Amino acid sequence: MKRFAVLILFACLVGASSLIGAIRLTAVEPTMASPGASLVASGTELTEVDLLFLTVDTTDIPVEITSKTAEEIRFKLPADVAHGQYRLMIQTGGDVPALMVQPITCEVMSAAEITERQSQLEKEERRIDAAASPTEETPPAK
């Protein structure tokens, strides 16, 4: 009898873990946004997501989901969210809801900070491209 109960418990855990394993976020766009901005998180099995949070340390901040499909969740950052880097956390529905922190981050900052950061990233990208490109030899000066 004990063996049967253990087998049933194991089957339930395997079933639950396979369901949870299929629900995940794989990206968020844009990765930098200002408070109140709209973002799009993409992933798999997202219709199973009931709630979405920004999370850092022990703080979880609910965000407003504006639309949802199996591959995308569109959401809006709270207007009063503090600047900083956040991971995304989902809560599934069903009889046994699960909270799952995702390997996806977004950074909340002012519009001016976003512009400055994008400019820095573009400069760095051009520097890397220039370093990777073969240079033409210039003839020696006479």
Protein backbone atom coordinates (compact mmCIF):
# COMPACT_ATOMS: atom_id res chain seq x y z
CA MET A 1 0.00 0.00 0.00
CA LYS A 2 2.85 2.40 0.84
CA ARG A 3 4.44 1.69 -2.51
CA PHE A 4 1.21 2.57 -4.30
CA ALA A 5 0.89 5.88 -2.41
CA VAL A 6 4.51 6.78 -3.20
CA LEU A 7 3.96 5.88 -6.85
CA ILE A 8 0.85 8.10 -7.05
CA LEU A 9 2.70 10.99 -5.37
CA PHE A 10 5.63 10.58 -7.75
CA ALA A 11 3.32 10.56 -10.79
CA CYS A 12 1.63 13.75 -9.59
CA LEU A 13 4.96 15.50 -9.05
CA VAL A 14 6.27 14.44 -12.47
CA GLY A 15 3.04 15.62 -14.11
CA ALA A 16 3.17 18.97 -12.33
CA SER A 17 6.85 19.51 -13.10
CA SER A 18 6.36 18.77 -16.79
CA LEU A 19 3.54 21.32 -16.95
CA ILE A 20 5.59 23.92 -15.10
CA GLY A 21 8.65 23.20 -17.26
CA ALA A 22 6.73 24.03 -20.43
CA ILE A 23 5.63 27.48 -19.24
CA ARG A 24 8.49 29.95 -19.58
CA LEU A 25 9.54 33.37 -20.73
CA THR A 26 12.43 33.59 -23.18
CA ALA A 27 12.72 37.34 -23.93
CA VAL A 28 11.35 40.78 -23.15
CA GLU A 29 11.32 43.81 -25.45
CA PRO A 30 12.41 46.44 -24.89
CA THR A 31 14.99 45.42 -22.30
CA MET A 32 15.15 49.03 -21.04
CA ALA A 33 11.96 50.98 -20.31
CA SER A 34 10.63 53.91 -18.33
CA PRO A 35 7.95 53.65 -15.64
CA GLY A 36 4.52 53.35 -17.27
CA ALA A 37 5.93 51.89 -20.51
CA SER A 38 4.46 48.90 -22.34
CA LEU A 39 6.60 45.82 -22.90
CA VAL A 40 6.22 42.43 -24.59
CA ALA A 41 7.46 39.21 -23.02
CA SER A 42 7.71 36.20 -25.31
CA GLY A 43 7.88 32.54 -24.44
CA THR A 44 5.93 29.29 -24.48
CA GLU A 45 2.59 28.17 -23.01
CA LEU A 46 1.91 31.70 -21.76
CA THR A 47 -1.87 31.28 -21.71
CA GLU A 48 -1.22 29.37 -18.46
CA VAL A 49 0.16 32.55 -16.82
CA ASP A 50 -2.31 34.31 -14.52
CA LEU A 51 -0.09 37.02 -13.03
CA LEU A 52 3.20 38.67 -13.93
CA PHE A 53 5.58 40.42 -11.54
CA LEU A 54 8.80 42.41 -11.54
CA THR A 55 10.99 40.97 -8.81
CA VAL A 56 14.19 42.05 -7.09
CA ASP A 57 15.51 40.64 -3.81
CA THR A 58 12.38 40.10 -1.69
CA THR A 59 10.22 42.66 -3.50
CA ASP A 60 7.59 41.52 -6.02
CA ILE A 61 5.76 44.21 -7.99
CA PRO A 62 2.65 43.18 -9.93
CA VAL A 63 2.35 44.50 -13.48
CA GLU A 64 -0.77 44.97 -15.57
CA ILE A 65 -1.16 42.33 -18.27
CA THR A 66 -2.84 44.07 -21.22
CA SER A 67 -3.04 41.04 -23.53
CA LYS A 68 -1.87 37.46 -23.67
CA THR A 69 -1.40 34.71 -26.26
CA ALA A 70 0.42 31.38 -26.08
CA GLU A 71 3.65 33.09 -27.22
CA GLU A 72 3.36 36.68 -25.90
CA ILE A 73 2.32 38.64 -22.85
CA ARG A 74 1.91 42.38 -23.32
CA PHE A 75 2.17 44.27 -20.06
CA LYS A 76 2.55 47.74 -18.64
CA LEU A 77 5.03 48.83 -16.00
CA PRO A 78 3.55 50.63 -13.00
CA ALA A 79 3.97 54.41 -13.25
CA ASP A 80 5.55 54.53 -9.80
CA VAL A 81 8.02 51.64 -10.13
CA ALA A 82 11.51 52.47 -8.87
CA HIS A 83 14.43 52.56 -11.28
CA GLY A 84 16.53 49.41 -11.29
CA GLN A 85 17.03 46.00 -12.83
CA TYR A 86 14.24 43.46 -12.35
CA ARG A 87 13.69 39.82 -13.19
CA LEU A 88 10.27 38.70 -14.38
CA MET A 89 8.26 36.22 -12.32
CA ILE A 90 5.11 34.43 -13.45
CA GLN A 91 2.28 32.89 -11.48
CA THR A 92 0.41 30.03 -13.10
CA GLY A 93 -3.26 29.33 -12.63
CA GLY A 94 -5.03 26.10 -11.88
CA ASP A 95 -5.70 24.23 -8.66
CA VAL A 96 -2.11 24.61 -7.47
CA PRO A 97 -0.71 27.97 -8.63
CA ALA A 98 3.07 28.13 -8.93
CA LEU A 99 5.39 31.14 -8.81
CA MET A 100 8.37 30.87 -11.16
CA VAL A 101 11.16 33.43 -11.44
CA GLN A 102 12.26 33.61 -15.07
CA PRO A 103 15.78 34.11 -16.48
CA ILE A 104 14.61 37.35 -18.10
CA THR A 105 15.49 40.85 -16.93
CA CYS A 106 14.39 44.35 -17.77
CA GLU A 107 15.83 47.61 -16.57
CA VAL A 108 13.62 50.49 -15.52
CA MET A 109 15.16 53.94 -16.02
CA SER A 110 14.31 57.41 -17.24
CA ALA A 111 13.95 58.19 -20.95
CA ALA A 112 17.17 60.25 -20.84
CA GLU A 113 19.07 57.33 -19.28
CA ILE A 114 17.73 54.98 -21.95
CA THR A 115 18.87 57.31 -24.73
CA GLU A 116 22.32 57.63 -23.17
CA ARG A 117 22.66 53.86 -22.66
CA GLN A 118 21.56 53.13 -26.25
CA SER A 119 24.12 55.64 -27.52
CA GLN A 120 26.86 53.94 -25.47
CA LEU A 121 25.82 50.51 -26.78
CA GLU A 122 25.85 51.74 -30.39
CA LYS A 123 29.34 53.25 -29.95
CA GLU A 124 30.61 50.00 -28.46
CA GLU A 125 29.03 48.00 -31.30
CA ARG A 126 30.72 50.25 -33.90
CA ARG A 127 34.05 49.88 -32.08
CA ILE A 128 33.73 46.09 -32.08
CA ASP A 129 32.72 46.05 -35.77
CA ALA A 130 35.67 48.28 -36.66
CA ALA A 131 38.08 46.07 -34.74
CA ALA A 132 36.72 42.94 -36.45
CA SER A 133 36.81 44.41 -39.97
CA PRO A 134 39.97 43.90 -42.03
CA THR A 135 41.69 47.18 -42.67
CA GLU A 136 43.19 48.11 -45.98
CA GLU A 137 46.89 48.60 -45.97
CA THR A 138 47.87 52.16 -46.58
CA PRO A 139 50.89 52.76 -48.76
CA PRO A 140 53.96 53.98 -46.91
CA ALA A 141 54.40 57.74 -46.83
CA LYS A 142 57.08 59.14 -49.21
